[in-house]
N, C-alpha and C. Protein backbone atom coordinates (compact mmCIF):
# COMPACT_ATOMS: atom_id res chain seq x y z
N MET A 1 -22.59 -19.14 29.97
CA MET A 1 -21.93 -18.08 28.78
C MET A 1 -22.96 -17.35 28.13
N SER A 2 -22.72 -16.05 28.02
CA SER A 2 -23.36 -14.78 27.48
C SER A 2 -23.38 -15.41 25.64
N GLU A 3 -24.71 -14.94 24.90
CA GLU A 3 -24.40 -15.13 23.51
C GLU A 3 -23.05 -14.21 22.98
N LEU A 4 -22.83 -13.51 23.50
CA LEU A 4 -21.92 -12.36 23.05
C LEU A 4 -20.40 -13.36 23.34
N ASN A 5 -20.37 -13.99 24.64
CA ASN A 5 -19.13 -14.70 24.90
C ASN A 5 -19.17 -16.04 23.94
N ASP A 6 -20.10 -16.71 24.02
CA ASP A 6 -20.01 -17.49 23.02
C ASP A 6 -19.59 -17.52 21.71
N TYR A 7 -20.27 -16.00 21.19
CA TYR A 7 -19.70 -15.65 19.62
C TYR A 7 -18.09 -15.26 19.66
N LEU A 8 -17.87 -14.79 20.84
CA LEU A 8 -16.25 -14.53 20.86
C LEU A 8 -15.44 -15.40 21.01
N VAL A 9 -15.58 -16.60 21.43
CA VAL A 9 -15.10 -18.25 21.61
C VAL A 9 -15.31 -18.42 20.32
N ARG A 10 -16.26 -18.71 19.23
CA ARG A 10 -16.28 -19.29 18.07
C ARG A 10 -15.01 -18.50 17.41
N SER A 11 -15.37 -17.12 17.59
CA SER A 11 -14.34 -16.29 16.61
C SER A 11 -12.84 -16.69 17.09
N ALA A 12 -12.89 -16.83 18.25
CA ALA A 12 -11.23 -16.93 18.61
C ALA A 12 -10.65 -18.69 18.27
N ALA A 13 -11.89 -19.23 18.32
CA ALA A 13 -11.32 -20.55 17.97
C ALA A 13 -10.74 -20.53 16.23
N VAL A 14 -11.49 -19.91 15.64
CA VAL A 14 -11.41 -19.94 13.84
C VAL A 14 -9.71 -19.21 13.70
N ILE A 15 -9.73 -18.07 14.67
CA ILE A 15 -8.11 -17.72 14.62
C ILE A 15 -7.19 -18.81 14.90
N SER A 16 -7.28 -19.48 15.92
CA SER A 16 -6.69 -20.58 16.35
C SER A 16 -6.45 -21.45 15.33
N ALA A 17 -7.62 -21.65 14.79
CA ALA A 17 -7.58 -23.01 13.79
C ALA A 17 -6.75 -22.49 12.57
N MET A 18 -6.49 -20.62 12.16
CA MET A 18 -5.96 -20.41 11.26
C MET A 18 -4.46 -20.51 11.52
N VAL A 19 -4.05 -20.11 12.89
CA VAL A 19 -2.50 -20.43 13.17
C VAL A 19 -2.25 -22.04 13.13
N GLU A 20 -3.18 -22.74 13.13
CA GLU A 20 -2.59 -24.11 13.05
C GLU A 20 -2.67 -24.73 11.54
N ARG A 21 -3.50 -24.14 10.70
CA ARG A 21 -3.30 -24.34 9.67
C ARG A 21 -1.77 -23.61 8.88
N ASP A 22 -1.74 -22.64 9.73
CA ASP A 22 -0.32 -22.17 9.22
C ASP A 22 -0.02 -21.58 7.80
N LEU A 23 -0.43 -20.35 7.39
CA LEU A 23 -0.80 -19.78 6.04
C LEU A 23 0.69 -18.91 6.37
N THR A 24 1.46 -19.47 6.83
CA THR A 24 2.66 -18.28 6.80
C THR A 24 3.16 -18.60 5.09
N LYS A 25 3.44 -19.22 4.87
CA LYS A 25 4.25 -19.58 3.02
C LYS A 25 3.15 -18.88 2.16
N GLU A 26 1.92 -18.94 2.32
CA GLU A 26 0.85 -18.65 1.39
C GLU A 26 0.85 -16.98 1.65
N MET A 27 1.00 -16.62 2.73
CA MET A 27 0.86 -15.27 2.91
C MET A 27 2.44 -14.44 2.35
N GLU A 28 3.39 -14.81 2.59
CA GLU A 28 4.68 -14.56 2.07
C GLU A 28 4.95 -14.28 0.63
N ARG A 29 4.26 -15.30 0.33
CA ARG A 29 3.90 -15.31 -1.11
C ARG A 29 3.08 -13.91 -1.56
N ALA A 30 2.13 -13.91 -1.00
CA ALA A 30 1.07 -12.57 -1.62
C ALA A 30 1.69 -11.57 -1.20
N VAL A 31 2.67 -11.42 -0.20
CA VAL A 31 3.21 -10.09 0.36
C VAL A 31 4.13 -9.58 -0.38
N THR A 32 4.72 -10.79 -1.37
CA THR A 32 5.99 -10.60 -2.22
C THR A 32 5.38 -10.20 -3.47
N THR A 33 4.36 -11.17 -3.54
CA THR A 33 3.66 -10.78 -5.09
C THR A 33 3.27 -9.40 -5.30
N VAL A 34 2.47 -8.82 -4.34
CA VAL A 34 1.78 -7.48 -4.78
C VAL A 34 3.24 -6.64 -4.31
N VAL A 35 3.73 -6.93 -3.46
CA VAL A 35 5.14 -5.62 -3.33
C VAL A 35 5.83 -5.37 -4.75
N GLU A 36 6.06 -6.57 -5.10
CA GLU A 36 6.55 -6.69 -6.81
C GLU A 36 5.72 -5.83 -7.59
N ALA A 37 4.62 -6.13 -7.43
CA ALA A 37 3.75 -5.70 -8.64
C ALA A 37 3.75 -4.05 -8.27
N LEU A 38 3.36 -3.71 -7.25
CA LEU A 38 3.41 -2.47 -6.90
C LEU A 38 4.67 -1.56 -7.00
N SER A 39 5.51 -2.44 -6.90
CA SER A 39 6.69 -1.57 -7.21
C SER A 39 7.23 -1.19 -8.67
N GLN A 40 6.81 -2.18 -9.28
CA GLN A 40 6.65 -1.94 -10.85
C GLN A 40 5.53 -1.23 -11.35
N GLY A 41 4.94 -0.66 -10.62
CA GLY A 41 3.76 0.29 -11.11
C GLY A 41 2.63 -0.23 -11.63
N LYS A 42 2.21 -1.75 -11.25
CA LYS A 42 1.27 -2.63 -11.80
C LYS A 42 0.26 -2.44 -10.39
N ALA A 43 -0.81 -2.70 -10.78
CA ALA A 43 -2.18 -2.20 -9.85
C ALA A 43 -2.42 -3.38 -9.22
N LEU A 44 -2.70 -3.46 -7.98
CA LEU A 44 -3.49 -4.24 -7.26
C LEU A 44 -5.27 -4.27 -7.42
N LEU A 45 -5.85 -5.12 -8.08
CA LEU A 45 -7.17 -4.88 -8.11
C LEU A 45 -8.05 -6.09 -7.04
N ILE A 46 -8.99 -5.35 -6.49
CA ILE A 46 -9.67 -5.97 -5.22
C ILE A 46 -11.10 -5.94 -5.55
N CYS A 47 -11.71 -7.12 -5.57
CA CYS A 47 -13.31 -7.41 -5.70
C CYS A 47 -13.83 -8.64 -4.60
N GLY A 48 -14.84 -8.20 -4.35
CA GLY A 48 -15.75 -9.02 -3.87
C GLY A 48 -17.06 -8.37 -3.60
N ASN A 49 -18.22 -9.38 -3.20
CA ASN A 49 -19.45 -8.89 -3.24
C ASN A 49 -19.74 -9.04 -1.52
N GLY A 50 -21.24 -8.23 -1.53
CA GLY A 50 -21.31 -7.81 -0.22
C GLY A 50 -20.37 -6.91 0.89
N GLY A 51 -20.53 -8.22 1.88
CA GLY A 51 -19.25 -7.80 2.85
C GLY A 51 -18.14 -7.65 2.38
N SER A 52 -17.53 -8.39 1.35
CA SER A 52 -16.44 -8.60 0.70
C SER A 52 -16.13 -7.50 -0.04
N ALA A 53 -17.27 -7.04 -0.75
CA ALA A 53 -16.89 -5.82 -1.24
C ALA A 53 -16.78 -4.30 -0.33
N SER A 54 -17.33 -4.66 0.88
CA SER A 54 -16.56 -3.57 1.75
C SER A 54 -15.38 -3.92 2.15
N ASP A 55 -14.52 -4.94 2.34
CA ASP A 55 -13.66 -5.42 2.89
C ASP A 55 -12.29 -5.06 1.44
N ALA A 56 -13.30 -5.36 0.50
CA ALA A 56 -12.12 -4.43 -0.69
C ALA A 56 -11.89 -3.36 -0.89
N ILE A 57 -12.77 -2.40 -0.53
CA ILE A 57 -12.71 -0.90 -0.29
C ILE A 57 -12.16 -0.76 1.02
N HIS A 58 -12.36 -1.27 2.10
CA HIS A 58 -11.23 -1.30 2.98
C HIS A 58 -9.59 -1.45 2.83
N ILE A 59 -9.68 -2.28 2.20
CA ILE A 59 -8.04 -2.77 1.96
C ILE A 59 -7.63 -1.55 0.70
N ALA A 60 -8.26 -1.07 0.14
CA ALA A 60 -7.81 -0.09 -1.04
C ALA A 60 -7.70 1.10 -0.13
N THR A 61 -8.13 1.52 0.72
CA THR A 61 -8.41 2.86 1.87
C THR A 61 -7.06 2.64 2.47
N GLU A 62 -6.50 1.36 3.16
CA GLU A 62 -5.45 1.59 3.81
C GLU A 62 -4.29 1.70 2.82
N LEU A 63 -4.34 0.86 1.54
CA LEU A 63 -3.21 0.98 0.85
C LEU A 63 -3.04 2.34 -0.31
N VAL A 64 -3.93 3.00 -0.25
CA VAL A 64 -4.18 3.94 -1.05
C VAL A 64 -3.57 5.53 -0.31
N GLY A 65 -4.38 5.10 1.06
CA GLY A 65 -4.23 6.34 1.86
C GLY A 65 -3.07 6.27 2.82
N ARG A 66 -3.04 5.21 3.91
CA ARG A 66 -2.12 4.61 4.63
C ARG A 66 -2.45 3.77 5.87
N PHE A 67 -1.65 2.74 6.16
CA PHE A 67 -2.17 1.79 7.23
C PHE A 67 -1.68 2.29 8.56
N LEU A 68 -0.10 2.13 8.49
CA LEU A 68 0.36 2.61 9.73
C LEU A 68 1.41 3.61 9.82
N ARG A 69 1.90 3.80 8.22
CA ARG A 69 2.89 4.62 7.90
C ARG A 69 2.86 5.70 7.09
N GLU A 70 3.60 6.99 7.13
CA GLU A 70 3.08 8.04 6.32
C GLU A 70 4.20 7.72 5.18
N ARG A 71 3.68 7.72 3.59
CA ARG A 71 4.22 7.26 2.61
C ARG A 71 3.58 7.45 1.41
N LYS A 72 4.06 7.26 0.10
CA LYS A 72 3.39 7.65 -0.61
C LYS A 72 1.94 6.42 -1.10
N ALA A 73 1.12 6.65 -1.98
CA ALA A 73 0.18 6.37 -2.49
C ALA A 73 0.39 5.05 -3.21
N TYR A 74 -0.24 3.82 -2.83
CA TYR A 74 -0.26 2.76 -3.93
C TYR A 74 -0.87 2.61 -4.87
N ASN A 75 -0.95 1.99 -5.99
CA ASN A 75 -2.08 1.73 -7.21
C ASN A 75 -3.01 0.70 -6.72
N VAL A 76 -3.60 0.97 -5.97
CA VAL A 76 -4.76 -0.26 -5.73
C VAL A 76 -6.34 0.23 -6.04
N ILE A 77 -6.87 -0.67 -6.67
CA ILE A 77 -8.60 -0.13 -6.91
C ILE A 77 -9.55 -1.07 -6.14
N ALA A 78 -10.41 -0.88 -5.57
CA ALA A 78 -11.46 -1.74 -5.08
C ALA A 78 -12.47 -1.60 -6.19
N LEU A 79 -12.55 -2.71 -7.15
CA LEU A 79 -13.59 -2.77 -8.29
C LEU A 79 -15.06 -2.91 -7.71
N SER A 80 -15.24 -2.94 -6.30
CA SER A 80 -16.72 -2.45 -5.80
C SER A 80 -17.04 -1.54 -5.83
N ALA A 81 -16.37 -0.35 -5.93
CA ALA A 81 -16.24 1.09 -5.37
C ALA A 81 -16.77 2.32 -6.45
N ASN A 82 -16.68 1.47 -7.68
CA ASN A 82 -17.06 2.38 -8.57
C ASN A 82 -18.87 2.04 -8.95
N ALA A 83 -20.00 2.86 -8.43
CA ALA A 83 -21.27 2.48 -8.61
C ALA A 83 -21.65 2.82 -10.04
N GLY A 84 -21.32 3.83 -10.55
CA GLY A 84 -21.64 3.76 -11.77
C GLY A 84 -21.42 2.67 -13.00
N VAL A 85 -20.25 2.07 -12.84
CA VAL A 85 -19.83 0.84 -13.78
C VAL A 85 -20.84 -0.20 -13.52
N LEU A 86 -20.54 -0.32 -11.91
CA LEU A 86 -21.42 -1.43 -11.22
C LEU A 86 -22.80 -1.96 -11.78
N THR A 87 -23.46 -0.37 -11.95
CA THR A 87 -24.93 -0.51 -12.31
C THR A 87 -25.30 -0.05 -13.55
N ALA A 88 -24.22 0.10 -14.35
CA ALA A 88 -24.52 0.49 -15.76
C ALA A 88 -23.98 -0.79 -16.23
N TRP A 89 -23.40 -1.81 -16.14
CA TRP A 89 -22.67 -2.89 -16.92
C TRP A 89 -23.65 -3.93 -16.23
N GLY A 90 -23.96 -3.86 -15.38
CA GLY A 90 -24.71 -5.01 -14.56
C GLY A 90 -26.37 -4.59 -15.01
N ASN A 91 -26.35 -3.61 -15.27
CA ASN A 91 -27.86 -3.60 -16.04
C ASN A 91 -28.01 -3.92 -17.36
N ASP A 92 -26.92 -3.58 -17.71
CA ASP A 92 -26.86 -3.89 -19.60
C ASP A 92 -26.22 -5.23 -19.72
N TYR A 93 -25.40 -5.72 -19.42
CA TYR A 93 -24.66 -7.08 -19.22
C TYR A 93 -24.89 -8.03 -18.48
N GLY A 94 -25.42 -7.68 -17.38
CA GLY A 94 -25.34 -8.93 -16.26
C GLY A 94 -24.36 -8.46 -15.14
N PHE A 95 -24.80 -9.10 -13.97
CA PHE A 95 -24.03 -8.45 -12.85
C PHE A 95 -22.80 -9.96 -12.90
N ASP A 96 -22.54 -10.90 -13.36
CA ASP A 96 -21.80 -11.65 -13.35
C ASP A 96 -20.21 -11.25 -13.94
N THR A 97 -20.24 -10.26 -14.84
CA THR A 97 -19.16 -9.76 -15.39
C THR A 97 -19.07 -8.38 -14.81
N VAL A 98 -19.56 -7.99 -13.77
CA VAL A 98 -19.23 -6.41 -13.33
C VAL A 98 -17.57 -6.31 -13.02
N PHE A 99 -16.95 -7.23 -12.40
CA PHE A 99 -15.39 -7.55 -12.05
C PHE A 99 -14.55 -7.78 -13.28
N SER A 100 -15.03 -8.75 -13.76
CA SER A 100 -14.13 -9.12 -15.38
C SER A 100 -13.99 -7.78 -16.10
N ARG A 101 -14.86 -7.08 -16.05
CA ARG A 101 -14.81 -5.75 -17.25
C ARG A 101 -13.96 -4.86 -16.63
N GLN A 102 -14.19 -4.80 -15.19
CA GLN A 102 -13.12 -3.54 -14.52
C GLN A 102 -11.72 -4.19 -14.47
N VAL A 103 -11.43 -5.62 -14.48
CA VAL A 103 -9.94 -6.30 -14.81
C VAL A 103 -9.69 -5.89 -15.88
N GLU A 104 -10.27 -6.43 -17.12
CA GLU A 104 -10.27 -5.92 -18.33
C GLU A 104 -9.55 -4.47 -18.57
N ALA A 105 -10.22 -3.71 -18.16
CA ALA A 105 -10.07 -1.95 -18.17
C ALA A 105 -8.83 -1.78 -17.31
N HIS A 106 -8.37 -2.12 -16.02
CA HIS A 106 -7.26 -1.65 -15.13
C HIS A 106 -6.22 -2.55 -15.20
N GLY A 107 -6.48 -4.05 -15.27
CA GLY A 107 -5.16 -4.97 -15.18
C GLY A 107 -4.47 -4.87 -16.20
N SER A 108 -3.08 -5.47 -16.37
CA SER A 108 -2.21 -5.73 -17.24
C SER A 108 -1.17 -7.20 -16.49
N GLN A 109 -0.56 -7.58 -17.28
CA GLN A 109 0.45 -8.65 -17.11
C GLN A 109 1.14 -8.17 -16.08
N GLY A 110 1.31 -8.89 -15.04
CA GLY A 110 2.30 -8.51 -13.74
C GLY A 110 1.54 -7.90 -12.72
N ALA A 111 0.46 -7.59 -12.98
CA ALA A 111 -0.64 -7.19 -11.98
C ALA A 111 -1.64 -7.73 -11.39
N VAL A 112 -1.66 -7.59 -10.14
CA VAL A 112 -2.62 -8.75 -9.22
C VAL A 112 -3.98 -8.38 -8.73
N LEU A 113 -4.77 -9.37 -8.83
CA LEU A 113 -6.24 -9.60 -8.28
C LEU A 113 -6.02 -10.12 -7.00
N LEU A 114 -6.92 -9.36 -6.18
CA LEU A 114 -7.17 -10.27 -5.06
C LEU A 114 -8.67 -10.15 -4.31
N ALA A 115 -8.96 -11.52 -5.01
CA ALA A 115 -10.35 -11.97 -4.98
C ALA A 115 -11.00 -12.51 -3.65
N ILE A 116 -12.04 -11.99 -3.11
CA ILE A 116 -12.65 -12.19 -2.30
C ILE A 116 -13.89 -12.65 -2.12
N SER A 117 -13.71 -14.14 -1.80
CA SER A 117 -15.28 -14.95 -1.67
C SER A 117 -15.38 -15.75 -0.47
N THR A 118 -16.27 -15.53 0.27
CA THR A 118 -16.34 -16.90 1.51
C THR A 118 -16.33 -17.85 1.34
N SER A 119 -17.60 -18.22 0.05
CA SER A 119 -17.90 -19.08 -0.62
C SER A 119 -16.86 -20.15 -1.28
N GLY A 120 -15.92 -18.93 -2.13
CA GLY A 120 -15.26 -19.28 -3.47
C GLY A 120 -16.12 -19.85 -4.56
N ASN A 121 -17.42 -19.39 -4.84
CA ASN A 121 -18.10 -19.93 -5.63
C ASN A 121 -18.97 -18.60 -6.31
N SER A 122 -18.66 -17.83 -5.89
CA SER A 122 -19.33 -16.35 -6.49
C SER A 122 -19.20 -15.97 -8.15
N PRO A 123 -20.09 -16.25 -8.77
CA PRO A 123 -20.01 -16.35 -10.26
C PRO A 123 -19.10 -14.75 -10.95
N SER A 124 -19.19 -13.79 -10.18
CA SER A 124 -18.52 -12.40 -10.50
C SER A 124 -17.35 -12.52 -10.03
N ILE A 125 -16.67 -13.17 -9.17
CA ILE A 125 -15.72 -13.16 -8.93
C ILE A 125 -14.90 -14.16 -9.60
N LEU A 126 -15.43 -15.65 -9.83
CA LEU A 126 -14.56 -16.49 -10.59
C LEU A 126 -14.65 -15.78 -12.26
N ALA A 127 -15.41 -14.89 -12.77
CA ALA A 127 -15.06 -14.73 -13.77
C ALA A 127 -14.09 -13.36 -13.88
N ALA A 128 -13.77 -12.80 -12.46
CA ALA A 128 -12.71 -11.93 -12.39
C ALA A 128 -11.61 -12.71 -12.52
N ALA A 129 -11.34 -13.81 -11.93
CA ALA A 129 -10.24 -14.43 -11.57
C ALA A 129 -9.71 -15.09 -13.23
N GLU A 130 -11.18 -15.50 -13.63
CA GLU A 130 -10.52 -16.15 -15.14
C GLU A 130 -9.92 -14.97 -15.94
N GLN A 131 -10.33 -13.64 -16.00
CA GLN A 131 -9.99 -12.33 -16.78
C GLN A 131 -8.62 -11.95 -16.53
N ALA A 132 -8.32 -12.39 -15.13
CA ALA A 132 -7.01 -12.08 -14.80
C ALA A 132 -5.53 -12.93 -15.23
N ARG A 133 -6.48 -14.05 -15.17
CA ARG A 133 -5.37 -15.19 -15.07
C ARG A 133 -4.95 -14.84 -17.17
N ALA A 134 -6.16 -14.99 -17.62
CA ALA A 134 -6.09 -14.59 -18.95
C ALA A 134 -5.16 -13.26 -19.44
N MET A 135 -4.86 -12.57 -18.50
CA MET A 135 -4.16 -11.30 -18.80
C MET A 135 -3.04 -11.35 -18.52
N GLY A 136 -2.67 -12.94 -17.63
CA GLY A 136 -1.33 -12.89 -16.94
C GLY A 136 -0.94 -12.25 -15.71
N MET A 137 -2.10 -12.30 -14.86
CA MET A 137 -2.13 -11.15 -13.42
C MET A 137 -1.87 -12.19 -12.81
N THR A 138 -1.48 -12.28 -11.50
CA THR A 138 -1.46 -13.36 -10.34
C THR A 138 -2.70 -13.28 -9.54
N VAL A 139 -3.49 -14.36 -9.11
CA VAL A 139 -4.58 -14.34 -8.20
C VAL A 139 -4.57 -14.49 -6.82
N ILE A 140 -4.89 -13.84 -6.07
CA ILE A 140 -4.63 -14.15 -4.64
C ILE A 140 -6.01 -13.94 -4.16
N SER A 141 -6.53 -15.06 -3.76
CA SER A 141 -8.18 -15.50 -3.22
C SER A 141 -8.06 -15.63 -1.68
N LEU A 142 -8.77 -14.77 -0.98
CA LEU A 142 -9.43 -14.89 0.54
C LEU A 142 -10.45 -15.69 0.22
N THR A 143 -10.86 -16.89 0.57
CA THR A 143 -11.85 -17.62 0.57
C THR A 143 -12.24 -18.41 2.23
N GLY A 144 -13.38 -19.32 2.04
CA GLY A 144 -13.46 -19.89 3.25
C GLY A 144 -12.74 -21.47 2.91
N ASP A 145 -13.23 -22.65 3.78
CA ASP A 145 -12.45 -23.60 4.13
C ASP A 145 -11.83 -24.31 2.83
N THR A 146 -12.65 -24.45 1.87
CA THR A 146 -12.22 -25.44 1.07
C THR A 146 -11.95 -24.55 -0.67
N GLY A 147 -12.10 -22.98 -0.24
CA GLY A 147 -11.53 -22.57 -1.42
C GLY A 147 -12.62 -22.43 -2.88
N GLY A 148 -13.34 -23.41 -2.54
CA GLY A 148 -14.65 -23.23 -3.78
C GLY A 148 -14.38 -23.64 -4.80
N LYS A 149 -14.77 -23.12 -6.09
CA LYS A 149 -14.56 -23.18 -7.39
C LYS A 149 -13.09 -22.35 -8.01
N LEU A 150 -12.96 -21.54 -6.84
CA LEU A 150 -12.18 -20.30 -6.76
C LEU A 150 -10.46 -20.76 -6.85
N LYS A 151 -10.73 -21.80 -6.24
CA LYS A 151 -9.74 -22.33 -5.74
C LYS A 151 -8.48 -22.85 -7.11
N PRO A 152 -9.06 -23.69 -7.79
CA PRO A 152 -7.91 -23.93 -9.09
C PRO A 152 -7.74 -22.72 -9.89
N LEU A 153 -8.63 -21.54 -9.82
CA LEU A 153 -8.16 -20.07 -10.63
C LEU A 153 -7.20 -19.33 -9.85
N THR A 154 -7.09 -19.83 -8.48
CA THR A 154 -5.98 -19.06 -7.61
C THR A 154 -4.70 -19.56 -7.78
N ASP A 155 -3.84 -18.91 -7.80
CA ASP A 155 -2.15 -18.58 -7.33
C ASP A 155 -1.76 -19.00 -5.82
N ILE A 156 -2.30 -18.15 -5.19
CA ILE A 156 -2.04 -18.18 -3.69
C ILE A 156 -3.44 -18.11 -3.02
N LEU A 157 -3.49 -19.36 -2.74
CA LEU A 157 -5.20 -19.34 -1.44
C LEU A 157 -4.69 -18.86 -0.12
N LEU A 158 -5.72 -18.07 0.65
CA LEU A 158 -5.52 -17.85 1.69
C LEU A 158 -7.03 -18.19 2.18
N ASN A 159 -7.33 -19.37 2.99
CA ASN A 159 -8.58 -19.81 3.07
C ASN A 159 -8.66 -20.10 4.43
N VAL A 160 -9.91 -19.59 5.37
CA VAL A 160 -10.16 -19.68 6.52
C VAL A 160 -10.67 -20.82 6.88
N PRO A 161 -10.48 -21.60 8.13
CA PRO A 161 -11.13 -22.97 8.12
C PRO A 161 -12.43 -22.82 8.88
N SER A 162 -13.27 -22.16 8.20
CA SER A 162 -14.55 -22.23 8.27
C SER A 162 -15.90 -22.15 7.51
N THR A 163 -17.07 -22.80 7.51
CA THR A 163 -17.87 -22.44 6.84
C THR A 163 -18.86 -21.44 6.98
N SER A 164 -18.99 -20.89 8.36
CA SER A 164 -19.68 -19.93 8.60
C SER A 164 -19.15 -18.66 8.12
N THR A 165 -20.36 -17.79 7.20
CA THR A 165 -19.79 -16.22 6.47
C THR A 165 -19.06 -15.12 7.51
N PRO A 166 -19.87 -15.09 8.63
CA PRO A 166 -19.16 -14.00 9.21
C PRO A 166 -18.17 -14.45 10.03
N ILE A 167 -17.86 -15.62 10.47
CA ILE A 167 -16.43 -16.24 10.67
C ILE A 167 -15.26 -16.02 9.63
N ILE A 168 -15.78 -16.30 8.68
CA ILE A 168 -15.04 -16.24 7.45
C ILE A 168 -14.43 -15.01 7.22
N GLN A 169 -15.34 -13.87 7.18
CA GLN A 169 -15.16 -12.68 7.11
C GLN A 169 -14.25 -12.15 8.06
N GLN A 170 -14.12 -12.71 9.70
CA GLN A 170 -13.44 -11.98 10.84
C GLN A 170 -11.99 -12.54 10.51
N GLY A 171 -12.11 -13.77 10.19
CA GLY A 171 -10.54 -14.16 9.56
C GLY A 171 -9.96 -13.54 8.53
N HIS A 172 -11.14 -12.94 7.60
CA HIS A 172 -10.14 -12.38 6.38
C HIS A 172 -9.66 -10.90 6.93
N VAL A 173 -10.19 -10.36 7.67
CA VAL A 173 -9.74 -9.06 8.06
C VAL A 173 -8.45 -9.14 9.00
N CYS A 174 -8.41 -10.29 9.60
CA CYS A 174 -7.10 -10.71 10.21
C CYS A 174 -5.95 -10.94 9.05
N LEU A 175 -6.25 -11.57 8.05
CA LEU A 175 -5.42 -11.92 6.70
C LEU A 175 -4.83 -10.80 6.37
N TYR A 176 -6.14 -9.77 5.83
CA TYR A 176 -5.43 -8.58 5.00
C TYR A 176 -5.24 -7.45 5.82
N HIS A 177 -5.32 -6.98 7.06
CA HIS A 177 -4.60 -6.44 7.88
C HIS A 177 -3.13 -6.87 7.57
N HIS A 178 -3.17 -8.08 7.93
CA HIS A 178 -1.39 -8.21 8.00
C HIS A 178 -1.00 -7.95 6.60
N LEU A 179 -1.64 -8.29 5.68
CA LEU A 179 -0.94 -8.04 4.23
C LEU A 179 -0.69 -6.46 3.67
N CYS A 180 -1.84 -5.60 4.47
CA CYS A 180 -1.34 -4.23 4.85
C CYS A 180 0.05 -3.98 5.05
N GLU A 181 0.29 -4.73 6.40
CA GLU A 181 0.94 -4.09 7.17
C GLU A 181 2.26 -4.56 6.51
N ALA A 182 2.39 -5.69 6.12
CA ALA A 182 3.69 -6.22 5.76
C ALA A 182 3.98 -5.44 4.17
N VAL A 183 2.89 -5.56 3.78
CA VAL A 183 3.20 -4.99 2.11
C VAL A 183 3.86 -3.48 2.29
N GLU A 184 3.11 -2.67 3.31
CA GLU A 184 3.93 -0.99 3.52
C GLU A 184 4.90 -1.46 3.84
N ALA A 185 5.39 -2.04 4.86
CA ALA A 185 6.57 -1.99 5.66
C ALA A 185 7.71 -2.14 4.53
N ARG A 186 7.45 -2.99 3.90
CA ARG A 186 8.60 -3.41 2.85
C ARG A 186 8.64 -2.42 1.49
N LEU A 187 7.51 -1.86 1.32
CA LEU A 187 7.56 -0.66 0.02
C LEU A 187 8.25 0.30 1.05
N SER A 188 7.80 0.96 2.35
CA SER A 188 8.24 1.67 2.97
C SER A 188 9.87 1.67 3.08
N ASP A 189 10.46 0.30 3.25
CA ASP A 189 11.83 0.17 3.79
C ASP A 189 12.75 0.22 2.83
N GLY A 190 12.05 -0.46 1.37
CA GLY A 190 12.20 -0.29 0.52
C GLY A 190 13.41 0.51 -0.84
């Protein structure tokens, strides 16, 4: 078997493991929570580091722009997208609070934080989740297998059954594309 085919087999195995784990109830809660927040004018804030920062931007792009349907824009902000805030705050106060500061700025009771961390242990993501909870926001987390330290700070956990960062990220793409599709469909039909 080629290296590529071996990698694809491992990727497919984690998707199969996600089916077996059956995240249906958690995803339904996540979709409902995001739809309720957005329909009430509340924000969906998304944060992640590295590849997960890019995923946060990807999700915001799909929901502000469009995923599959022509419709109005949704109030979604990728907290990793503002280079000025990230670099100024990170330089002056430290990187661990770059997302929590933005949650403080843009969040409100009834809003939602989507926290993305393959390990579930990123200090900046943990601080953002703590800030969101303090403000009465719902925290939805995309993580790897155990959920890490983020799990107890999370209201809805969508965890990919793997410890391999790139494989977890591939699982996250499946989960957040479904989230985008379902949120868009419900808000467009509603």
